[in-house]
């Protein structure tokens, strides 16, 4: 697959944000973001936040939101912030959960990199008496049942959010127009749901879905995938991307192919790097699932459950469409 270089403007901004996230948080891959948080006083619960890729601005925003919440509620709980370096490093995320078990935290709030692969280690955490709350990417219901494990999910309806984004795009399409989807990691539940939501909207609009391929949530992978799609389908009208990182890659591929304005793009997450592209019309729409509050919702649910104030139940959080 031929690689097309990113456009300078899009890539410089996106990479700067990615590097900034890594510089700020990569130390949290193996230790607390605030080492004093590990020195928990008796009766003050330790809550571990275990996220996906710290190279993705969405998760650095999530971490900052959690840290601000803890700072405002410092007398209520201690917070340990962790994350992996890329979306596919499942072994490292399993290792992080094992470390949190060893540290005897009271609760783990996790955005799993894979909906199935993390269930076994989370069952170990539950067996160790640790409360587990699932955020962002929902754990696979069948695998949870097989493991006899119940984990509350606090997060958005990704399918409904993606469908809303797709419906905004559909207003600029005609029946029969060729469209393609760049999905996330195929085994991730939120990636599956976003693809289905995009498909719902495109089917309702009578669009012709010519390709669905994985960009693995990553900008460069999506750039290569989009380049190949544009080469194979000269009359492609739109690319629907399951996150904004991949939308950045798709926009760069479209620019490199000389098709800016001819191929529409949508994304998901509303990261700051995509907002200038929304204003220019290079991205039609994205979805804001309020990443700065998503971990906070999970933490607050965990604290209520630990206090016996609420049962461990699923909670659906808001997703809003963002346009120019």
C-alpha atoms as a PDB file:
ATOM      1  CA  UNK A   1       0.000   0.000   0.000  1.00  0.00           C
ATOM      2  CA  UNK A   2       1.549   3.252  -1.091  1.00  0.00           C
ATOM      3  CA  UNK A   3       2.144   5.822   1.653  1.00  0.00           C
ATOM      4  CA  UNK A   4       1.130   9.408   1.055  1.00  0.00           C
ATOM      5  CA  UNK A   5       2.794  12.014   3.283  1.00  0.00           C
ATOM      6  CA  UNK A   6       0.585  13.992   5.627  1.00  0.00           C
ATOM      7  CA  UNK A   7      -0.087  17.619   4.911  1.00  0.00           C
ATOM      8  CA  UNK A   8       2.164  19.805   7.022  1.00  0.00           C
ATOM      9  CA  UNK A   9      -0.602  21.801   8.653  1.00  0.00           C
ATOM     10  CA  UNK A  10      -2.716  18.872   9.844  1.00  0.00           C
ATOM     11  CA  UNK A  11       0.145  16.635  10.877  1.00  0.00           C
ATOM     12  CA  UNK A  12       2.165  19.266  12.704  1.00  0.00           C
ATOM     13  CA  UNK A  13      -0.765  20.118  14.923  1.00  0.00           C
ATOM     14  CA  UNK A  14      -1.861  16.538  15.517  1.00  0.00           C
ATOM     15  CA  UNK A  15       1.643  15.258  16.224  1.00  0.00           C
ATOM     16  CA  UNK A  16       2.385  18.152  18.546  1.00  0.00           C
ATOM     17  CA  UNK A  17      -0.718  17.277  20.531  1.00  0.00           C
ATOM     18  CA  UNK A  18       0.216  13.605  20.565  1.00  0.00           C
ATOM     19  CA  UNK A  19       3.762  14.301  21.724  1.00  0.00           C
ATOM     20  CA  UNK A  20       2.464  16.680  24.336  1.00  0.00           C
ATOM     21  CA  UNK A  21       0.155  13.991  25.667  1.00  0.00           C
ATOM     22  CA  UNK A  22       3.007  11.507  25.842  1.00  0.00           C
ATOM     23  CA  UNK A  23       5.332  13.991  27.510  1.00  0.00           C
ATOM     24  CA  UNK A  24       2.716  14.851  30.106  1.00  0.00           C
ATOM     25  CA  UNK A  25       1.365  11.417  30.847  1.00  0.00           C
ATOM     26  CA  UNK A  26       3.669   8.665  29.637  1.00  0.00           C
ATOM     27  CA  UNK A  27       5.197   8.470  33.094  1.00  0.00           C
ATOM     28  CA  UNK A  28       1.791   7.324  34.208  1.00  0.00           C
ATOM     29  CA  UNK A  29       2.200   4.117  32.233  1.00  0.00           C
ATOM     30  CA  UNK A  30       3.860   2.464  35.212  1.00  0.00           C
ATOM     31  CA  UNK A  31       3.176   4.762  38.144  1.00  0.00           C
ATOM     32  CA  UNK A  32       0.689   7.199  39.544  1.00  0.00           C
ATOM     33  CA  UNK A  33       0.374  10.557  37.866  1.00  0.00           C
ATOM     34  CA  UNK A  34       0.753  11.940  41.390  1.00  0.00           C
ATOM     35  CA  UNK A  35       2.968   9.753  43.548  1.00  0.00           C
ATOM     36  CA  UNK A  36       1.476  11.137  46.754  1.00  0.00           C
ATOM     37  CA  UNK A  37      -1.827   9.573  45.702  1.00  0.00           C
ATOM     38  CA  UNK A  38      -0.412   6.154  46.516  1.00  0.00           C
ATOM     39  CA  UNK A  39      -0.079   7.073  50.204  1.00  0.00           C
ATOM     40  CA  UNK A  40      -3.721   6.598  50.979  1.00  0.00           C
ATOM     41  CA  UNK A  41      -5.001   7.320  54.457  1.00  0.00           C
ATOM     42  CA  UNK A  42      -7.222   4.709  56.155  1.00  0.00           C
ATOM     43  CA  UNK A  43     -10.824   5.018  55.023  1.00  0.00           C
ATOM     44  CA  UNK A  44      -9.936   7.113  52.002  1.00  0.00           C
ATOM     45  CA  UNK A  45     -10.407   4.967  48.882  1.00  0.00           C
ATOM     46  CA  UNK A  46      -7.790   4.637  46.158  1.00  0.00           C
ATOM     47  CA  UNK A  47      -9.281   4.801  42.669  1.00  0.00           C
ATOM     48  CA  UNK A  48      -7.179   3.739  39.676  1.00  0.00           C
ATOM     49  CA  UNK A  49      -7.992   5.142  36.229  1.00  0.00           C
ATOM     50  CA  UNK A  50      -6.681   2.809  33.510  1.00  0.00           C
ATOM     51  CA  UNK A  51      -6.981   4.244  30.010  1.00  0.00           C
ATOM     52  CA  UNK A  52      -6.057   3.442  26.431  1.00  0.00           C
ATOM     53  CA  UNK A  53      -3.509   5.296  24.313  1.00  0.00           C
ATOM     54  CA  UNK A  54      -1.952   8.358  25.881  1.00  0.00           C
ATOM     55  CA  UNK A  55      -0.840   9.377  22.381  1.00  0.00           C
ATOM     56  CA  UNK A  56      -4.496  10.102  21.620  1.00  0.00           C
ATOM     57  CA  UNK A  57      -5.530  13.586  22.732  1.00  0.00           C
ATOM     58  CA  UNK A  58      -8.923  12.207  23.786  1.00  0.00           C
ATOM     59  CA  UNK A  59      -7.353  10.203  26.606  1.00  0.00           C
ATOM     60  CA  UNK A  60      -4.997  12.947  27.744  1.00  0.00           C
ATOM     61  CA  UNK A  61      -8.101  15.144  28.029  1.00  0.00           C
ATOM     62  CA  UNK A  62      -9.821  12.364  29.969  1.00  0.00           C
ATOM     63  CA  UNK A  63      -6.874  12.137  32.383  1.00  0.00           C
ATOM     64  CA  UNK A  64      -6.777  15.897  32.951  1.00  0.00           C
ATOM     65  CA  UNK A  65     -10.505  15.929  33.707  1.00  0.00           C
ATOM     66  CA  UNK A  66     -10.054  13.139  36.254  1.00  0.00           C
ATOM     67  CA  UNK A  67      -7.131  14.894  37.940  1.00  0.00           C
ATOM     68  CA  UNK A  68      -9.080  18.149  38.206  1.00  0.00           C
ATOM     69  CA  UNK A  69     -11.980  16.273  39.792  1.00  0.00           C
ATOM     70  CA  UNK A  70      -9.673  14.627  42.348  1.00  0.00           C
ATOM     71  CA  UNK A  71      -8.041  17.959  43.168  1.00  0.00           C
ATOM     72  CA  UNK A  72     -11.479  19.417  43.869  1.00  0.00           C
ATOM     73  CA  UNK A  73     -12.384  16.370  45.994  1.00  0.00           C
ATOM     74  CA  UNK A  74      -8.997  15.676  47.581  1.00  0.00           C
ATOM     75  CA  UNK A  75     -10.530  14.754  50.928  1.00  0.00           C
ATOM     76  CA  UNK A  76     -12.758  12.110  49.339  1.00  0.00           C
ATOM     77  CA  UNK A  77     -10.378   9.840  47.429  1.00  0.00           C
ATOM     78  CA  UNK A  78      -6.902   9.261  46.024  1.00  0.00           C
ATOM     79  CA  UNK A  79      -6.407   8.892  42.270  1.00  0.00           C
ATOM     80  CA  UNK A  80      -3.868   6.845  40.329  1.00  0.00           C
ATOM     81  CA  UNK A  81      -3.757   7.624  36.595  1.00  0.00           C
ATOM     82  CA  UNK A  82      -2.426   5.051  34.130  1.00  0.00           C
ATOM     83  CA  UNK A  83      -2.433   4.563  30.370  1.00  0.00           C
ATOM     84  CA  UNK A  84      -0.763   2.611  27.597  1.00  0.00           C
ATOM     85  CA  UNK A  85       1.345   4.037  24.787  1.00  0.00           C
ATOM     86  CA  UNK A  86      -0.806   2.826  21.898  1.00  0.00           C
ATOM     87  CA  UNK A  87      -4.254   1.401  21.335  1.00  0.00           C
ATOM     88  CA  UNK A  88      -3.055  -2.120  20.567  1.00  0.00           C
ATOM     89  CA  UNK A  89      -0.766  -2.746  23.568  1.00  0.00           C
ATOM     90  CA  UNK A  90      -3.152  -5.114  25.322  1.00  0.00           C
ATOM     91  CA  UNK A  91      -0.412  -6.864  27.306  1.00  0.00           C
ATOM     92  CA  UNK A  92       0.656  -3.558  28.837  1.00  0.00           C
ATOM     93  CA  UNK A  93      -2.906  -2.714  29.854  1.00  0.00           C
ATOM     94  CA  UNK A  94      -3.293  -6.142  31.460  1.00  0.00           C
ATOM     95  CA  UNK A  95      -0.009  -5.458  33.269  1.00  0.00           C
ATOM     96  CA  UNK A  96      -1.343  -2.130  34.534  1.00  0.00           C
ATOM     97  CA  UNK A  97      -4.438  -3.801  35.976  1.00  0.00           C
ATOM     98  CA  UNK A  98      -2.232  -6.404  37.670  1.00  0.00           C
ATOM     99  CA  UNK A  99      -0.170  -3.585  39.187  1.00  0.00           C
ATOM    100  CA  UNK A 100      -3.317  -1.961  40.536  1.00  0.00           C
ATOM    101  CA  UNK A 101      -4.367  -5.281  42.072  1.00  0.00           C
ATOM    102  CA  UNK A 102      -0.944  -5.526  43.731  1.00  0.00           C
ATOM    103  CA  UNK A 103      -1.334  -1.961  45.049  1.00  0.00           C
ATOM    104  CA  UNK A 104      -4.673  -2.993  46.575  1.00  0.00           C
ATOM    105  CA  UNK A 105      -6.679  -0.132  45.120  1.00  0.00           C
ATOM    106  CA  UNK A 106     -10.350   0.014  46.066  1.00  0.00           C
ATOM    107  CA  UNK A 107     -11.668   0.601  42.557  1.00  0.00           C
ATOM    108  CA  UNK A 108     -10.473   0.368  38.968  1.00  0.00           C
ATOM    109  CA  UNK A 109     -12.160   2.610  36.391  1.00  0.00           C
ATOM    110  CA  UNK A 110     -11.078   1.249  33.021  1.00  0.00           C
ATOM    111  CA  UNK A 111     -11.376   2.173  29.354  1.00  0.00           C
ATOM    112  CA  UNK A 112     -10.338  -1.232  27.955  1.00  0.00           C
ATOM    113  CA  UNK A 113      -8.264  -1.378  24.788  1.00  0.00           C
ATOM    114  CA  UNK A 114     -10.112  -4.579  23.854  1.00  0.00           C
ATOM    115  CA  UNK A 115     -13.643  -5.568  24.812  1.00  0.00           C
ATOM    116  CA  UNK A 116     -12.746  -9.229  25.374  1.00  0.00           C
ATOM    117  CA  UNK A 117      -9.050  -9.509  26.254  1.00  0.00           C
ATOM    118  CA  UNK A 118      -9.262  -7.556  29.526  1.00  0.00           C
ATOM    119  CA  UNK A 119     -12.085  -9.594  31.083  1.00  0.00           C
ATOM    120  CA  UNK A 120      -9.851 -12.273  32.640  1.00  0.00           C
ATOM    121  CA  UNK A 121      -7.596  -9.856  34.527  1.00  0.00           C
ATOM    122  CA  UNK A 122     -10.608  -7.784  35.595  1.00  0.00           C
ATOM    123  CA  UNK A 123     -12.112 -10.944  37.063  1.00  0.00           C
ATOM    124  CA  UNK A 124      -8.887 -11.319  39.069  1.00  0.00           C
ATOM    125  CA  UNK A 125      -9.384  -7.766  40.310  1.00  0.00           C
ATOM    126  CA  UNK A 126     -12.977  -8.500  41.331  1.00  0.00           C
ATOM    127  CA  UNK A 127     -11.809 -11.664  43.131  1.00  0.00           C
ATOM    128  CA  UNK A 128      -9.330  -9.495  45.036  1.00  0.00           C
ATOM    129  CA  UNK A 129     -12.225  -7.406  46.318  1.00  0.00           C
ATOM    130  CA  UNK A 130     -11.698  -4.504  43.919  1.00  0.00           C
ATOM    131  CA  UNK A 131     -14.661  -2.709  42.385  1.00  0.00           C
ATOM    132  CA  UNK A 132     -14.426  -2.481  38.578  1.00  0.00           C
ATOM    133  CA  UNK A 133     -16.239   0.203  36.572  1.00  0.00           C
ATOM    134  CA  UNK A 134     -16.074   0.113  32.771  1.00  0.00           C
ATOM    135  CA  UNK A 135     -15.989   3.412  30.815  1.00  0.00           C
ATOM    136  CA  UNK A 136     -15.637   4.459  27.145  1.00  0.00           C
ATOM    137  CA  UNK A 137     -15.339   1.040  25.459  1.00  0.00           C
ATOM    138  CA  UNK A 138     -17.884  -1.484  26.712  1.00  0.00           C
ATOM    139  CA  UNK A 139     -16.722  -4.952  27.696  1.00  0.00           C
ATOM    140  CA  UNK A 140     -18.184  -7.811  25.655  1.00  0.00           C
ATOM    141  CA  UNK A 141     -21.451  -9.002  27.227  1.00  0.00           C
ATOM    142  CA  UNK A 142     -21.022 -12.650  26.177  1.00  0.00           C
ATOM    143  CA  UNK A 143     -17.460 -12.861  27.512  1.00  0.00           C
ATOM    144  CA  UNK A 144     -18.578 -11.274  30.799  1.00  0.00           C
ATOM    145  CA  UNK A 145     -21.360 -13.858  31.080  1.00  0.00           C
ATOM    146  CA  UNK A 146     -18.950 -16.715  30.373  1.00  0.00           C
ATOM    147  CA  UNK A 147     -16.629 -15.358  33.054  1.00  0.00           C
ATOM    148  CA  UNK A 148     -19.558 -14.944  35.469  1.00  0.00           C
ATOM    149  CA  UNK A 149     -18.532 -11.317  35.901  1.00  0.00           C
ATOM    150  CA  UNK A 150     -20.769  -8.271  36.293  1.00  0.00           C
ATOM    151  CA  UNK A 151     -19.199  -4.883  35.555  1.00  0.00           C
ATOM    152  CA  UNK A 152     -21.225  -1.655  35.358  1.00  0.00           C
ATOM    153  CA  UNK A 153     -20.683   0.423  32.218  1.00  0.00           C
ATOM    154  CA  UNK A 154     -20.689   4.208  32.367  1.00  0.00           C
ATOM    155  CA  UNK A 155     -20.426   5.757  28.932  1.00  0.00           C
ATOM    156  CA  UNK A 156     -22.051   6.911  25.714  1.00  0.00           C
ATOM    157  CA  UNK A 157     -24.254   5.163  23.182  1.00  0.00           C
ATOM    158  CA  UNK A 158     -21.649   5.080  20.414  1.00  0.00           C
ATOM    159  CA  UNK A 159     -24.030   3.721  17.795  1.00  0.00           C
ATOM    160  CA  UNK A 160     -26.547   6.516  18.338  1.00  0.00           C
ATOM    161  CA  UNK A 161     -23.769   9.131  18.349  1.00  0.00           C
ATOM    162  CA  UNK A 162     -22.230   7.857  15.128  1.00  0.00           C
ATOM    163  CA  UNK A 163     -25.647   7.682  13.477  1.00  0.00           C
ATOM    164  CA  UNK A 164     -26.233  11.359  14.313  1.00  0.00           C
ATOM    165  CA  UNK A 165     -22.865  12.285  12.789  1.00  0.00           C
ATOM    166  CA  UNK A 166     -23.679  10.210   9.699  1.00  0.00           C
ATOM    167  CA  UNK A 167     -27.049  11.930   9.357  1.00  0.00           C
ATOM    168  CA  UNK A 168     -25.337  15.335   9.174  1.00  0.00           C
ATOM    169  CA  UNK A 169     -23.111  13.993   6.400  1.00  0.00           C
ATOM    170  CA  UNK A 170     -26.107  12.459   4.596  1.00  0.00           C
ATOM    171  CA  UNK A 171     -27.591  15.929   4.038  1.00  0.00           C
ATOM    172  CA  UNK A 172     -24.664  16.649   1.717  1.00  0.00           C
ATOM    173  CA  UNK A 173     -24.937  13.375  -0.209  1.00  0.00           C
ATOM    174  CA  UNK A 174     -27.222  12.042  -2.901  1.00  0.00           C
ATOM    175  CA  UNK A 175     -28.677   8.555  -3.116  1.00  0.00           C
ATOM    176  CA  UNK A 176     -26.159   6.207  -4.736  1.00  0.00           C
ATOM    177  CA  UNK A 177     -23.070   8.242  -3.744  1.00  0.00           C
ATOM    178  CA  UNK A 178     -20.087   6.056  -2.892  1.00  0.00           C
ATOM    179  CA  UNK A 179     -18.915   6.228   0.715  1.00  0.00           C
ATOM    180  CA  UNK A 180     -16.381   4.335   2.844  1.00  0.00           C
ATOM    181  CA  UNK A 181     -15.820   3.737   6.543  1.00  0.00           C
ATOM    182  CA  UNK A 182     -12.497   3.667   8.383  1.00  0.00           C
ATOM    183  CA  UNK A 183     -13.315   1.807  11.589  1.00  0.00           C
ATOM    184  CA  UNK A 184     -11.282   1.414  14.769  1.00  0.00           C
ATOM    185  CA  UNK A 185      -9.943  -1.852  16.148  1.00  0.00           C
ATOM    186  CA  UNK A 186     -12.550  -4.432  15.029  1.00  0.00           C
ATOM    187  CA  UNK A 187     -12.618  -6.201  18.428  1.00  0.00           C
ATOM    188  CA  UNK A 188     -13.394  -2.963  20.314  1.00  0.00           C
ATOM    189  CA  UNK A 189     -17.091  -2.653  21.149  1.00  0.00           C
ATOM    190  CA  UNK A 190     -17.151   1.125  20.732  1.00  0.00           C
ATOM    191  CA  UNK A 191     -15.504   0.742  17.307  1.00  0.00           C
ATOM    192  CA  UNK A 192     -18.112  -1.826  16.303  1.00  0.00           C
ATOM    193  CA  UNK A 193     -20.939   0.420  17.482  1.00  0.00           C
ATOM    194  CA  UNK A 194     -19.626   3.485  15.654  1.00  0.00           C
ATOM    195  CA  UNK A 195     -19.323   1.503  12.420  1.00  0.00           C
ATOM    196  CA  UNK A 196     -22.907   0.281  12.839  1.00  0.00           C
ATOM    197  CA  UNK A 197     -24.114   3.814  13.528  1.00  0.00           C
ATOM    198  CA  UNK A 198     -22.422   5.106  10.378  1.00  0.00           C
ATOM    199  CA  UNK A 199     -23.925   2.216   8.411  1.00  0.00           C
ATOM    200  CA  UNK A 200     -27.397   2.982   9.809  1.00  0.00           C
ATOM    201  CA  UNK A 201     -27.175   6.569   8.561  1.00  0.00           C
ATOM    202  CA  UNK A 202     -25.731   5.670   5.160  1.00  0.00           C
ATOM    203  CA  UNK A 203     -28.311   2.966   4.508  1.00  0.00           C
ATOM    204  CA  UNK A 204     -31.119   5.360   5.393  1.00  0.00           C
ATOM    205  CA  UNK A 205     -29.632   7.897   2.962  1.00  0.00           C
ATOM    206  CA  UNK A 206     -29.371   5.344   0.149  1.00  0.00           C
ATOM    207  CA  UNK A 207     -25.586   5.741  -0.066  1.00  0.00           C
ATOM    208  CA  UNK A 208     -23.442   3.054  -1.708  1.00  0.00           C
ATOM    209  CA  UNK A 209     -21.050   1.605   0.898  1.00  0.00           C
ATOM    210  CA  UNK A 210     -18.019   0.492  -1.129  1.00  0.00           C
ATOM    211  CA  UNK A 211     -15.425  -0.204   1.585  1.00  0.00           C
ATOM    212  CA  UNK A 212     -15.035  -0.737   5.339  1.00  0.00           C
ATOM    213  CA  UNK A 213     -11.459  -1.027   6.601  1.00  0.00           C
ATOM    214  CA  UNK A 214      -9.708  -0.675   9.951  1.00  0.00           C
ATOM    215  CA  UNK A 215      -7.464   2.288  10.701  1.00  0.00           C
ATOM    216  CA  UNK A 216      -6.781   0.851  14.194  1.00  0.00           C
ATOM    217  CA  UNK A 217      -7.660   4.256  15.718  1.00  0.00           C
ATOM    218  CA  UNK A 218      -4.337   5.662  14.410  1.00  0.00           C
ATOM    219  CA  UNK A 219      -3.749   8.674  12.157  1.00  0.00           C
ATOM    220  CA  UNK A 220      -1.001   7.237   9.991  1.00  0.00           C
ATOM    221  CA  UNK A 221      -2.726   3.885   9.470  1.00  0.00           C
ATOM    222  CA  UNK A 222      -5.913   5.710   8.490  1.00  0.00           C
ATOM    223  CA  UNK A 223      -3.936   7.915   6.100  1.00  0.00           C
ATOM    224  CA  UNK A 224      -2.675   4.831   4.268  1.00  0.00           C
ATOM    225  CA  UNK A 225      -6.132   3.228   4.248  1.00  0.00           C
ATOM    226  CA  UNK A 226      -7.776   6.405   2.946  1.00  0.00           C
ATOM    227  CA  UNK A 227      -5.124   6.763   0.228  1.00  0.00           C
ATOM    228  CA  UNK A 228      -5.877   3.250  -0.995  1.00  0.00           C
ATOM    229  CA  UNK A 229      -9.631   3.904  -0.902  1.00  0.00           C
ATOM    230  CA  UNK A 230      -9.220   7.057  -2.993  1.00  0.00           C
ATOM    231  CA  UNK A 231      -7.078   5.191  -5.520  1.00  0.00           C
ATOM    232  CA  UNK A 232      -9.538   2.316  -5.816  1.00  0.00           C
ATOM    233  CA  UNK A 233     -12.694   4.449  -5.943  1.00  0.00           C
ATOM    234  CA  UNK A 234     -12.038   7.590  -7.997  1.00  0.00           C
ATOM    235  CA  UNK A 235     -15.587   8.815  -7.462  1.00  0.00           C
ATOM    236  CA  UNK A 236     -15.675   8.312  -3.684  1.00  0.00           C
ATOM    237  CA  UNK A 237     -17.782  11.041  -2.060  1.00  0.00           C
ATOM    238  CA  UNK A 238     -17.182  10.581   1.677  1.00  0.00           C
ATOM    239  CA  UNK A 239     -15.101   8.803   4.315  1.00  0.00           C
ATOM    240  CA  UNK A 240     -16.614   8.198   7.750  1.00  0.00           C
ATOM    241  CA  UNK A 241     -13.927   7.803  10.429  1.00  0.00           C
ATOM    242  CA  UNK A 242     -14.599   6.207  13.808  1.00  0.00           C
ATOM    243  CA  UNK A 243     -12.367   8.689  15.623  1.00  0.00           C
ATOM    244  CA  UNK A 244     -10.857  12.097  14.949  1.00  0.00           C
ATOM    245  CA  UNK A 245      -7.274  10.797  14.833  1.00  0.00           C
ATOM    246  CA  UNK A 246      -8.248   8.746  11.798  1.00  0.00           C
ATOM    247  CA  UNK A 247     -10.211  11.677  10.354  1.00  0.00           C
ATOM    248  CA  UNK A 248      -6.983  13.715  10.428  1.00  0.00           C
ATOM    249  CA  UNK A 249      -5.262  10.967   8.455  1.00  0.00           C
ATOM    250  CA  UNK A 250      -8.108  10.818   5.944  1.00  0.00           C
ATOM    251  CA  UNK A 251      -8.048  14.601   5.416  1.00  0.00           C
ATOM    252  CA  UNK A 252      -4.318  14.444   4.729  1.00  0.00           C
ATOM    253  CA  UNK A 253      -4.829  11.650   2.187  1.00  0.00           C
ATOM    254  CA  UNK A 254      -7.541  13.660   0.461  1.00  0.00           C
ATOM    255  CA  UNK A 255      -5.253  16.710   0.286  1.00  0.00           C
ATOM    256  CA  UNK A 256      -2.400  14.601  -1.096  1.00  0.00           C
ATOM    257  CA  UNK A 257      -4.744  13.229  -3.774  1.00  0.00           C
ATOM    258  CA  UNK A 258      -5.800  16.755  -4.777  1.00  0.00           C
ATOM    259  CA  UNK A 259      -9.415  16.075  -3.802  1.00  0.00           C
ATOM    260  CA  UNK A 260      -9.993  18.615  -1.045  1.00  0.00           C
ATOM    261  CA  UNK A 261     -13.644  19.650  -1.160  1.00  0.00           C
ATOM    262  CA  UNK A 262     -14.560  16.666  -3.335  1.00  0.00           C
ATOM    263  CA  UNK A 263     -14.473  13.975  -0.632  1.00  0.00           C
ATOM    264  CA  UNK A 264     -16.241  14.716   2.660  1.00  0.00           C
ATOM    265  CA  UNK A 265     -15.014  13.469   6.052  1.00  0.00           C
ATOM    266  CA  UNK A 266     -16.620  12.943   9.454  1.00  0.00           C
ATOM    267  CA  UNK A 267     -15.011  11.855  12.709  1.00  0.00           C
ATOM    268  CA  UNK A 268     -15.784  11.140  16.354  1.00  0.00           C
ATOM    269  CA  UNK A 269     -14.389  12.599  19.651  1.00  0.00           C
ATOM    270  CA  UNK A 270     -14.184  16.368  19.006  1.00  0.00           C
ATOM    271  CA  UNK A 271     -10.468  16.668  19.794  1.00  0.00           C
ATOM    272  CA  UNK A 272      -8.995  20.159  19.474  1.00  0.00           C
ATOM    273  CA  UNK A 273      -6.889  19.197  16.422  1.00  0.00           C
ATOM    274  CA  UNK A 274     -10.018  18.620  14.357  1.00  0.00           C
ATOM    275  CA  UNK A 275     -11.740  21.905  15.128  1.00  0.00           C
ATOM    276  CA  UNK A 276      -9.845  24.034  12.569  1.00  0.00           C
ATOM    277  CA  UNK A 277     -10.810  21.451   9.953  1.00  0.00           C
ATOM    278  CA  UNK A 278     -14.460  21.747  10.969  1.00  0.00           C
ATOM    279  CA  UNK A 279     -14.247  25.504  10.464  1.00  0.00           C
ATOM    280  CA  UNK A 280     -12.689  25.020   7.018  1.00  0.00           C
ATOM    281  CA  UNK A 281     -15.249  22.407   6.025  1.00  0.00           C
ATOM    282  CA  UNK A 282     -12.599  19.695   5.598  1.00  0.00           C
ATOM    283  CA  UNK A 283     -14.399  17.746   8.325  1.00  0.00           C
ATOM    284  CA  UNK A 284     -18.187  17.972   8.174  1.00  0.00           C
ATOM    285  CA  UNK A 285     -19.006  16.791  11.697  1.00  0.00           C
ATOM    286  CA  UNK A 286     -17.699  14.958  14.731  1.00  0.00           C
ATOM    287  CA  UNK A 287     -19.198  13.697  17.990  1.00  0.00           C
ATOM    288  CA  UNK A 288     -18.402  15.092  21.420  1.00  0.00           C
ATOM    289  CA  UNK A 289     -18.717  12.434  24.101  1.00  0.00           C
ATOM    290  CA  UNK A 290     -17.268  14.867  26.642  1.00  0.00           C
ATOM    291  CA  UNK A 291     -13.948  13.137  27.167  1.00  0.00           C
ATOM    292  CA  UNK A 292     -12.971  15.531  29.950  1.00  0.00           C
ATOM    293  CA  UNK A 293     -15.921  14.250  31.979  1.00  0.00           C
ATOM    294  CA  UNK A 294     -16.110  10.614  30.906  1.00  0.00           C
ATOM    295  CA  UNK A 295     -13.636   9.339  33.521  1.00  0.00           C
ATOM    296  CA  UNK A 296     -15.217  11.648  36.100  1.00  0.00           C
ATOM    297  CA  UNK A 297     -18.597   9.984  35.513  1.00  0.00           C
ATOM    298  CA  UNK A 298     -16.973   6.588  36.091  1.00  0.00           C
ATOM    299  CA  UNK A 299     -15.115   7.751  39.193  1.00  0.00           C
ATOM    300  CA  UNK A 300     -18.240   9.285  40.692  1.00  0.00           C
ATOM    301  CA  UNK A 301     -20.165   6.065  40.040  1.00  0.00           C
ATOM    302  CA  UNK A 302     -17.379   4.043  41.700  1.00  0.00           C
ATOM    303  CA  UNK A 303     -17.332   6.291  44.779  1.00  0.00           C
ATOM    304  CA  UNK A 304     -21.106   6.007  45.183  1.00  0.00           C
ATOM    305  CA  UNK A 305     -20.968   2.212  44.884  1.00  0.00           C
ATOM    306  CA  UNK A 306     -18.098   2.015  47.400  1.00  0.00           C
ATOM    307  CA  UNK A 307     -20.155   4.081  49.864  1.00  0.00           C
ATOM    308  CA  UNK A 308     -23.211   1.900  49.294  1.00  0.00           C
ATOM    309  CA  UNK A 309     -25.141   4.887  47.935  1.00  0.00           C
ATOM    310  CA  UNK A 310     -25.937   3.338  44.548  1.00  0.00           C
ATOM    311  CA  UNK A 311     -26.171  -0.133  43.008  1.00  0.00           C
ATOM    312  CA  UNK A 312     -23.608  -1.099  40.334  1.00  0.00           C
ATOM    313  CA  UNK A 313     -25.745  -0.246  37.313  1.00  0.00           C
ATOM    314  CA  UNK A 314     -25.048   0.913  33.752  1.00  0.00           C
ATOM    315  CA  UNK A 315     -25.303   4.646  33.021  1.00  0.00           C
ATOM    316  CA  UNK A 316     -25.606   6.191  29.545  1.00  0.00           C
ATOM    317  CA  UNK A 317     -23.781   9.498  29.116  1.00  0.00           C
ATOM    318  CA  UNK A 318     -24.349  12.229  26.536  1.00  0.00           C
ATOM    319  CA  UNK A 319     -23.019  12.395  22.970  1.00  0.00           C
ATOM    320  CA  UNK A 320     -23.441  15.662  21.060  1.00  0.00           C
ATOM    321  CA  UNK A 321     -22.861  16.336  17.352  1.00  0.00           C
ATOM    322  CA  UNK A 322     -20.373  19.119  16.583  1.00  0.00           C
ATOM    323  CA  UNK A 323     -20.294  20.917  13.212  1.00  0.00           C
ATOM    324  CA  UNK A 324     -18.712  24.100  11.883  1.00  0.00           C
END
